[in-house]
């Protein structure tokens, strides 16, 4: 409205979420504007193809793309001047995962450290417990950073560090959706997601007990270098 007091909420596509916050993405390294959105849709299909899909949290199943972003290309004009093609995307917000940011059990984390040799002993590779500082190794994207969140993630990391063999196989499911981890690993290699092994991986929980892997930030995929300069 003219007074800028009432937020105008719009619903796009079949996202079923009238909102007033979206992401206008330039995709400046990828002139096709396809990699991020296409890869995200592929990930949504991977999740939907699971034989145990019906057992996943109902919030995730009711999200727009099974915990991944979605979007569509648009032409952008600024004061009548054509600025080019962008994509209009879902943001990395609670509704992307069907979460409620006010529910303390709904938490989304994003890994911030990659798998380069010097980083191999990091919480993102489950080889060291997390100190709980937001933005250091893990960023809290949805929910409030708390001791409960730190303890839940560290319970998973500690189990991975302390167990192997049958003990690992029989117990990992208490902390991690292992099928999502396998899917994520295979998927990142399939799309050549060089920046997605550890770094950019999402971990989502709806009960502060079991964590689910998710894919994000996939513009540098299918062989495209991080700055768009080569394949």
C-alpha atoms as a PDB file:
ATOM      1  CA  UNK A   1       0.000   0.000   0.000  1.00  0.00           C
ATOM      2  CA  UNK A   2       1.031   3.640  -0.381  1.00  0.00           C
ATOM      3  CA  UNK A   3       1.967   3.976   3.297  1.00  0.00           C
ATOM      4  CA  UNK A   4       4.160   0.852   3.114  1.00  0.00           C
ATOM      5  CA  UNK A   5       2.437  -0.514   6.215  1.00  0.00           C
ATOM      6  CA  UNK A   6       0.738  -3.656   4.903  1.00  0.00           C
ATOM      7  CA  UNK A   7       2.866  -6.386   3.379  1.00  0.00           C
ATOM      8  CA  UNK A   8       1.577  -7.681   0.065  1.00  0.00           C
ATOM      9  CA  UNK A   9       1.813 -11.472   0.042  1.00  0.00           C
ATOM     10  CA  UNK A  10       1.823 -13.289  -3.284  1.00  0.00           C
ATOM     11  CA  UNK A  11       1.664 -16.974  -4.129  1.00  0.00           C
ATOM     12  CA  UNK A  12       3.634 -18.244  -7.133  1.00  0.00           C
ATOM     13  CA  UNK A  13       3.348 -21.510  -9.025  1.00  0.00           C
ATOM     14  CA  UNK A  14       2.177 -24.386  -6.834  1.00  0.00           C
ATOM     15  CA  UNK A  15       4.261 -23.399  -3.818  1.00  0.00           C
ATOM     16  CA  UNK A  16       1.148 -22.915  -1.678  1.00  0.00           C
ATOM     17  CA  UNK A  17       2.818 -20.224   0.371  1.00  0.00           C
ATOM     18  CA  UNK A  18       1.661 -16.621  -0.014  1.00  0.00           C
ATOM     19  CA  UNK A  19       4.697 -14.585   0.977  1.00  0.00           C
ATOM     20  CA  UNK A  20       6.415 -11.241   0.615  1.00  0.00           C
ATOM     21  CA  UNK A  21      10.043 -12.396   0.621  1.00  0.00           C
ATOM     22  CA  UNK A  22      11.680 -14.063  -2.361  1.00  0.00           C
ATOM     23  CA  UNK A  23      15.142 -14.232  -3.924  1.00  0.00           C
ATOM     24  CA  UNK A  24      16.000 -12.479  -7.186  1.00  0.00           C
ATOM     25  CA  UNK A  25      19.062 -14.407  -8.377  1.00  0.00           C
ATOM     26  CA  UNK A  26      21.426 -13.163 -11.077  1.00  0.00           C
ATOM     27  CA  UNK A  27      23.162 -16.523 -11.669  1.00  0.00           C
ATOM     28  CA  UNK A  28      26.027 -14.462 -13.038  1.00  0.00           C
ATOM     29  CA  UNK A  29      28.364 -17.436 -13.501  1.00  0.00           C
ATOM     30  CA  UNK A  30      25.764 -19.480 -15.407  1.00  0.00           C
ATOM     31  CA  UNK A  31      24.300 -17.755 -18.454  1.00  0.00           C
ATOM     32  CA  UNK A  32      21.882 -20.648 -18.950  1.00  0.00           C
ATOM     33  CA  UNK A  33      20.263 -19.842 -15.561  1.00  0.00           C
ATOM     34  CA  UNK A  34      19.456 -23.559 -15.433  1.00  0.00           C
ATOM     35  CA  UNK A  35      21.930 -25.225 -13.113  1.00  0.00           C
ATOM     36  CA  UNK A  36      20.648 -24.076  -9.740  1.00  0.00           C
ATOM     37  CA  UNK A  37      16.952 -24.569 -10.457  1.00  0.00           C
ATOM     38  CA  UNK A  38      17.269 -27.741 -12.545  1.00  0.00           C
ATOM     39  CA  UNK A  39      19.609 -29.339 -10.004  1.00  0.00           C
ATOM     40  CA  UNK A  40      17.219 -28.419  -7.193  1.00  0.00           C
ATOM     41  CA  UNK A  41      14.288 -29.952  -9.054  1.00  0.00           C
ATOM     42  CA  UNK A  42      16.310 -33.103  -9.673  1.00  0.00           C
ATOM     43  CA  UNK A  43      17.051 -33.294  -5.947  1.00  0.00           C
ATOM     44  CA  UNK A  44      13.348 -32.913  -5.205  1.00  0.00           C
ATOM     45  CA  UNK A  45      12.677 -35.843  -7.535  1.00  0.00           C
ATOM     46  CA  UNK A  46      15.385 -37.920  -5.854  1.00  0.00           C
ATOM     47  CA  UNK A  47      13.710 -37.405  -2.482  1.00  0.00           C
ATOM     48  CA  UNK A  48      10.264 -38.168  -3.917  1.00  0.00           C
ATOM     49  CA  UNK A  49      11.549 -41.405  -5.489  1.00  0.00           C
ATOM     50  CA  UNK A  50      12.465 -42.962  -2.136  1.00  0.00           C
ATOM     51  CA  UNK A  51      10.501 -46.145  -1.401  1.00  0.00           C
ATOM     52  CA  UNK A  52      10.107 -44.919   2.174  1.00  0.00           C
ATOM     53  CA  UNK A  53       8.977 -41.432   1.142  1.00  0.00           C
ATOM     54  CA  UNK A  54       5.745 -41.722   3.118  1.00  0.00           C
ATOM     55  CA  UNK A  55       7.764 -42.169   6.322  1.00  0.00           C
ATOM     56  CA  UNK A  56       9.548 -38.819   5.956  1.00  0.00           C
ATOM     57  CA  UNK A  57       8.323 -35.910   8.096  1.00  0.00           C
ATOM     58  CA  UNK A  58       5.003 -34.671   6.765  1.00  0.00           C
ATOM     59  CA  UNK A  59       6.321 -31.109   6.879  1.00  0.00           C
ATOM     60  CA  UNK A  60       9.053 -31.989   4.391  1.00  0.00           C
ATOM     61  CA  UNK A  61       6.611 -33.800   2.112  1.00  0.00           C
ATOM     62  CA  UNK A  62       4.326 -30.772   2.135  1.00  0.00           C
ATOM     63  CA  UNK A  63       7.131 -28.346   1.265  1.00  0.00           C
ATOM     64  CA  UNK A  64       7.304 -26.922  -2.292  1.00  0.00           C
ATOM     65  CA  UNK A  65      10.193 -29.123  -3.479  1.00  0.00           C
ATOM     66  CA  UNK A  66      11.017 -31.647  -0.762  1.00  0.00           C
ATOM     67  CA  UNK A  67      13.389 -29.297   1.022  1.00  0.00           C
ATOM     68  CA  UNK A  68      15.061 -27.766  -2.027  1.00  0.00           C
ATOM     69  CA  UNK A  69      14.615 -24.381  -3.650  1.00  0.00           C
ATOM     70  CA  UNK A  70      12.475 -23.809  -6.698  1.00  0.00           C
ATOM     71  CA  UNK A  71      12.189 -20.915  -9.097  1.00  0.00           C
ATOM     72  CA  UNK A  72      11.573 -19.707 -12.619  1.00  0.00           C
ATOM     73  CA  UNK A  73      13.288 -17.317 -15.063  1.00  0.00           C
ATOM     74  CA  UNK A  74      12.084 -13.738 -15.387  1.00  0.00           C
ATOM     75  CA  UNK A  75      13.107 -10.642 -17.338  1.00  0.00           C
ATOM     76  CA  UNK A  76      14.135  -7.728 -15.135  1.00  0.00           C
ATOM     77  CA  UNK A  77      13.609  -4.075 -16.052  1.00  0.00           C
ATOM     78  CA  UNK A  78      14.863  -1.255 -13.834  1.00  0.00           C
ATOM     79  CA  UNK A  79      13.284   2.141 -14.513  1.00  0.00           C
ATOM     80  CA  UNK A  80      12.422   0.893 -17.984  1.00  0.00           C
ATOM     81  CA  UNK A  81      15.930  -0.371 -18.767  1.00  0.00           C
ATOM     82  CA  UNK A  82      16.275  -4.075 -19.508  1.00  0.00           C
ATOM     83  CA  UNK A  83      18.783  -5.619 -17.100  1.00  0.00           C
ATOM     84  CA  UNK A  84      18.642  -9.226 -18.277  1.00  0.00           C
ATOM     85  CA  UNK A  85      17.318 -12.598 -17.217  1.00  0.00           C
ATOM     86  CA  UNK A  86      17.240 -13.525 -13.541  1.00  0.00           C
ATOM     87  CA  UNK A  87      15.474 -16.278 -11.613  1.00  0.00           C
ATOM     88  CA  UNK A  88      12.741 -15.727  -9.046  1.00  0.00           C
ATOM     89  CA  UNK A  89      13.463 -18.222  -6.265  1.00  0.00           C
ATOM     90  CA  UNK A  90      12.252 -19.551  -2.969  1.00  0.00           C
ATOM     91  CA  UNK A  91      14.480 -18.234  -0.191  1.00  0.00           C
ATOM     92  CA  UNK A  92      16.362 -20.359   2.317  1.00  0.00           C
ATOM     93  CA  UNK A  93      13.578 -19.862   4.842  1.00  0.00           C
ATOM     94  CA  UNK A  94      11.473 -22.095   7.044  1.00  0.00           C
ATOM     95  CA  UNK A  95       8.772 -22.756   4.438  1.00  0.00           C
ATOM     96  CA  UNK A  96      11.330 -24.160   1.983  1.00  0.00           C
ATOM     97  CA  UNK A  97      11.430 -27.182   4.322  1.00  0.00           C
ATOM     98  CA  UNK A  98       7.832 -26.886   5.538  1.00  0.00           C
ATOM     99  CA  UNK A  99       9.180 -25.745   8.906  1.00  0.00           C
ATOM    100  CA  UNK A 100       7.828 -23.339  11.502  1.00  0.00           C
ATOM    101  CA  UNK A 101      10.603 -21.040  12.693  1.00  0.00           C
ATOM    102  CA  UNK A 102       8.798 -20.692  16.030  1.00  0.00           C
ATOM    103  CA  UNK A 103       8.923 -24.443  16.689  1.00  0.00           C
ATOM    104  CA  UNK A 104      12.115 -25.112  18.688  1.00  0.00           C
ATOM    105  CA  UNK A 105      12.360 -28.603  17.192  1.00  0.00           C
ATOM    106  CA  UNK A 106      12.464 -27.276  13.631  1.00  0.00           C
ATOM    107  CA  UNK A 107      16.062 -26.451  12.774  1.00  0.00           C
ATOM    108  CA  UNK A 108      17.955 -26.103   9.503  1.00  0.00           C
ATOM    109  CA  UNK A 109      21.749 -25.989   9.421  1.00  0.00           C
ATOM    110  CA  UNK A 110      24.063 -25.292   6.495  1.00  0.00           C
ATOM    111  CA  UNK A 111      27.635 -26.583   6.307  1.00  0.00           C
ATOM    112  CA  UNK A 112      30.234 -23.861   5.744  1.00  0.00           C
ATOM    113  CA  UNK A 113      33.503 -25.834   5.375  1.00  0.00           C
ATOM    114  CA  UNK A 114      34.577 -27.882   2.381  1.00  0.00           C
ATOM    115  CA  UNK A 115      36.438 -31.182   2.158  1.00  0.00           C
ATOM    116  CA  UNK A 116      39.877 -29.844   1.205  1.00  0.00           C
ATOM    117  CA  UNK A 117      42.655 -31.679   3.024  1.00  0.00           C
ATOM    118  CA  UNK A 118      43.243 -28.932   5.569  1.00  0.00           C
ATOM    119  CA  UNK A 119      39.581 -29.022   6.535  1.00  0.00           C
ATOM    120  CA  UNK A 120      39.168 -32.759   6.887  1.00  0.00           C
ATOM    121  CA  UNK A 121      39.118 -32.595  10.689  1.00  0.00           C
ATOM    122  CA  UNK A 122      36.006 -30.400  10.795  1.00  0.00           C
ATOM    123  CA  UNK A 123      32.476 -30.777  12.145  1.00  0.00           C
ATOM    124  CA  UNK A 124      31.209 -30.615   8.540  1.00  0.00           C
ATOM    125  CA  UNK A 125      32.948 -33.927   7.900  1.00  0.00           C
ATOM    126  CA  UNK A 126      31.756 -35.386  11.205  1.00  0.00           C
ATOM    127  CA  UNK A 127      35.343 -35.668  12.441  1.00  0.00           C
ATOM    128  CA  UNK A 128      35.125 -33.099  15.219  1.00  0.00           C
ATOM    129  CA  UNK A 129      32.271 -31.903  17.403  1.00  0.00           C
ATOM    130  CA  UNK A 130      30.716 -28.516  16.735  1.00  0.00           C
ATOM    131  CA  UNK A 131      31.416 -25.663  19.116  1.00  0.00           C
ATOM    132  CA  UNK A 132      27.950 -24.257  18.607  1.00  0.00           C
ATOM    133  CA  UNK A 133      29.008 -20.870  17.191  1.00  0.00           C
ATOM    134  CA  UNK A 134      26.660 -19.825  14.415  1.00  0.00           C
ATOM    135  CA  UNK A 135      28.552 -19.365  11.135  1.00  0.00           C
ATOM    136  CA  UNK A 136      31.584 -21.345  12.250  1.00  0.00           C
ATOM    137  CA  UNK A 137      31.484 -24.648  10.337  1.00  0.00           C
ATOM    138  CA  UNK A 138      27.678 -24.626  10.585  1.00  0.00           C
ATOM    139  CA  UNK A 139      25.218 -21.775  10.075  1.00  0.00           C
ATOM    140  CA  UNK A 140      21.776 -21.848  11.656  1.00  0.00           C
ATOM    141  CA  UNK A 141      19.420 -20.993   8.794  1.00  0.00           C
ATOM    142  CA  UNK A 142      16.088 -21.780  10.435  1.00  0.00           C
ATOM    143  CA  UNK A 143      15.340 -21.869  14.142  1.00  0.00           C
ATOM    144  CA  UNK A 144      17.225 -20.481  17.094  1.00  0.00           C
ATOM    145  CA  UNK A 145      20.799 -21.425  17.885  1.00  0.00           C
ATOM    146  CA  UNK A 146      20.797 -23.118  21.259  1.00  0.00           C
ATOM    147  CA  UNK A 147      22.556 -25.630  23.460  1.00  0.00           C
ATOM    148  CA  UNK A 148      19.882 -28.165  22.494  1.00  0.00           C
ATOM    149  CA  UNK A 149      20.720 -27.714  18.787  1.00  0.00           C
ATOM    150  CA  UNK A 150      24.444 -28.035  19.435  1.00  0.00           C
ATOM    151  CA  UNK A 151      23.956 -31.144  21.576  1.00  0.00           C
ATOM    152  CA  UNK A 152      21.714 -32.773  18.967  1.00  0.00           C
ATOM    153  CA  UNK A 153      24.185 -32.250  16.127  1.00  0.00           C
ATOM    154  CA  UNK A 154      27.117 -33.309  18.295  1.00  0.00           C
ATOM    155  CA  UNK A 155      25.315 -36.501  19.265  1.00  0.00           C
ATOM    156  CA  UNK A 156      25.306 -37.403  15.561  1.00  0.00           C
ATOM    157  CA  UNK A 157      28.934 -36.387  15.039  1.00  0.00           C
ATOM    158  CA  UNK A 158      30.099 -38.207  18.176  1.00  0.00           C
ATOM    159  CA  UNK A 159      28.303 -41.384  17.118  1.00  0.00           C
ATOM    160  CA  UNK A 160      30.002 -41.298  13.713  1.00  0.00           C
ATOM    161  CA  UNK A 161      33.409 -40.804  15.320  1.00  0.00           C
ATOM    162  CA  UNK A 162      32.955 -43.504  17.977  1.00  0.00           C
ATOM    163  CA  UNK A 163      31.321 -46.359  16.082  1.00  0.00           C
ATOM    164  CA  UNK A 164      31.929 -48.685  13.161  1.00  0.00           C
ATOM    165  CA  UNK A 165      30.862 -52.099  11.905  1.00  0.00           C
ATOM    166  CA  UNK A 166      27.572 -53.467  13.174  1.00  0.00           C
ATOM    167  CA  UNK A 167      27.410 -50.886  15.958  1.00  0.00           C
ATOM    168  CA  UNK A 168      27.465 -48.151  13.343  1.00  0.00           C
ATOM    169  CA  UNK A 169      24.992 -49.821  10.990  1.00  0.00           C
ATOM    170  CA  UNK A 170      22.542 -50.631  13.777  1.00  0.00           C
ATOM    171  CA  UNK A 171      22.675 -47.231  15.443  1.00  0.00           C
ATOM    172  CA  UNK A 172      23.257 -44.491  12.876  1.00  0.00           C
ATOM    173  CA  UNK A 173      19.557 -44.329  12.024  1.00  0.00           C
ATOM    174  CA  UNK A 174      18.850 -42.952  15.480  1.00  0.00           C
ATOM    175  CA  UNK A 175      20.701 -39.778  14.504  1.00  0.00           C
ATOM    176  CA  UNK A 176      20.806 -39.528  10.715  1.00  0.00           C
ATOM    177  CA  UNK A 177      18.424 -40.276   7.862  1.00  0.00           C
ATOM    178  CA  UNK A 178      21.028 -42.537   6.284  1.00  0.00           C
ATOM    179  CA  UNK A 179      19.135 -42.866   2.989  1.00  0.00           C
ATOM    180  CA  UNK A 180      19.230 -39.099   2.581  1.00  0.00           C
ATOM    181  CA  UNK A 181      22.984 -39.147   3.198  1.00  0.00           C
ATOM    182  CA  UNK A 182      23.514 -41.849   0.558  1.00  0.00           C
ATOM    183  CA  UNK A 183      21.274 -39.988  -1.884  1.00  0.00           C
ATOM    184  CA  UNK A 184      23.118 -36.745  -1.231  1.00  0.00           C
ATOM    185  CA  UNK A 185      26.546 -38.314  -1.795  1.00  0.00           C
ATOM    186  CA  UNK A 186      25.530 -39.999  -5.053  1.00  0.00           C
ATOM    187  CA  UNK A 187      23.640 -36.935  -6.255  1.00  0.00           C
ATOM    188  CA  UNK A 188      26.548 -34.526  -5.733  1.00  0.00           C
ATOM    189  CA  UNK A 189      28.860 -36.749  -7.759  1.00  0.00           C
ATOM    190  CA  UNK A 190      26.234 -37.156 -10.475  1.00  0.00           C
ATOM    191  CA  UNK A 191      25.832 -33.385 -10.917  1.00  0.00           C
ATOM    192  CA  UNK A 192      29.558 -32.729 -10.377  1.00  0.00           C
ATOM    193  CA  UNK A 193      28.717 -30.705  -7.274  1.00  0.00           C
ATOM    194  CA  UNK A 194      32.311 -29.985  -6.352  1.00  0.00           C
ATOM    195  CA  UNK A 195      31.260 -27.341  -3.856  1.00  0.00           C
ATOM    196  CA  UNK A 196      28.601 -29.509  -2.273  1.00  0.00           C
ATOM    197  CA  UNK A 197      30.552 -32.225  -0.485  1.00  0.00           C
ATOM    198  CA  UNK A 198      30.334 -31.036   3.117  1.00  0.00           C
ATOM    199  CA  UNK A 199      30.122 -27.337   2.210  1.00  0.00           C
ATOM    200  CA  UNK A 200      26.569 -26.197   1.333  1.00  0.00           C
ATOM    201  CA  UNK A 201      25.031 -29.432   2.595  1.00  0.00           C
ATOM    202  CA  UNK A 202      21.868 -28.767   4.556  1.00  0.00           C
ATOM    203  CA  UNK A 203      20.910 -30.707   7.665  1.00  0.00           C
ATOM    204  CA  UNK A 204      17.284 -30.476   8.753  1.00  0.00           C
ATOM    205  CA  UNK A 205      15.580 -31.840  11.840  1.00  0.00           C
ATOM    206  CA  UNK A 206      11.974 -31.721  12.949  1.00  0.00           C
ATOM    207  CA  UNK A 207      12.469 -33.346  16.351  1.00  0.00           C
ATOM    208  CA  UNK A 208      16.063 -32.477  17.374  1.00  0.00           C
ATOM    209  CA  UNK A 209      16.864 -36.177  17.113  1.00  0.00           C
ATOM    210  CA  UNK A 210      17.143 -37.302  13.480  1.00  0.00           C
ATOM    211  CA  UNK A 211      18.835 -35.117  10.837  1.00  0.00           C
ATOM    212  CA  UNK A 212      18.028 -35.185   7.108  1.00  0.00           C
ATOM    213  CA  UNK A 213      20.475 -34.160   4.351  1.00  0.00           C
ATOM    214  CA  UNK A 214      19.462 -31.647   1.713  1.00  0.00           C
ATOM    215  CA  UNK A 215      21.036 -29.945  -1.317  1.00  0.00           C
ATOM    216  CA  UNK A 216      21.480 -26.195  -1.793  1.00  0.00           C
ATOM    217  CA  UNK A 217      23.448 -23.637  -3.833  1.00  0.00           C
ATOM    218  CA  UNK A 218      23.893 -25.615  -7.036  1.00  0.00           C
ATOM    219  CA  UNK A 219      24.843 -23.022  -9.647  1.00  0.00           C
ATOM    220  CA  UNK A 220      28.427 -24.333  -9.773  1.00  0.00           C
ATOM    221  CA  UNK A 221      27.522 -27.824 -11.037  1.00  0.00           C
ATOM    222  CA  UNK A 222      27.767 -29.954 -14.194  1.00  0.00           C
ATOM    223  CA  UNK A 223      31.385 -28.906 -14.670  1.00  0.00           C
ATOM    224  CA  UNK A 224      31.002 -25.139 -14.347  1.00  0.00           C
ATOM    225  CA  UNK A 225      33.907 -23.518 -12.497  1.00  0.00           C
ATOM    226  CA  UNK A 226      33.127 -21.443  -9.395  1.00  0.00           C
ATOM    227  CA  UNK A 227      33.571 -18.113 -11.213  1.00  0.00           C
ATOM    228  CA  UNK A 228      32.060 -19.231 -14.531  1.00  0.00           C
ATOM    229  CA  UNK A 229      35.388 -18.929 -16.344  1.00  0.00           C
ATOM    230  CA  UNK A 230      35.741 -22.538 -17.483  1.00  0.00           C
ATOM    231  CA  UNK A 231      34.329 -26.054 -17.439  1.00  0.00           C
END
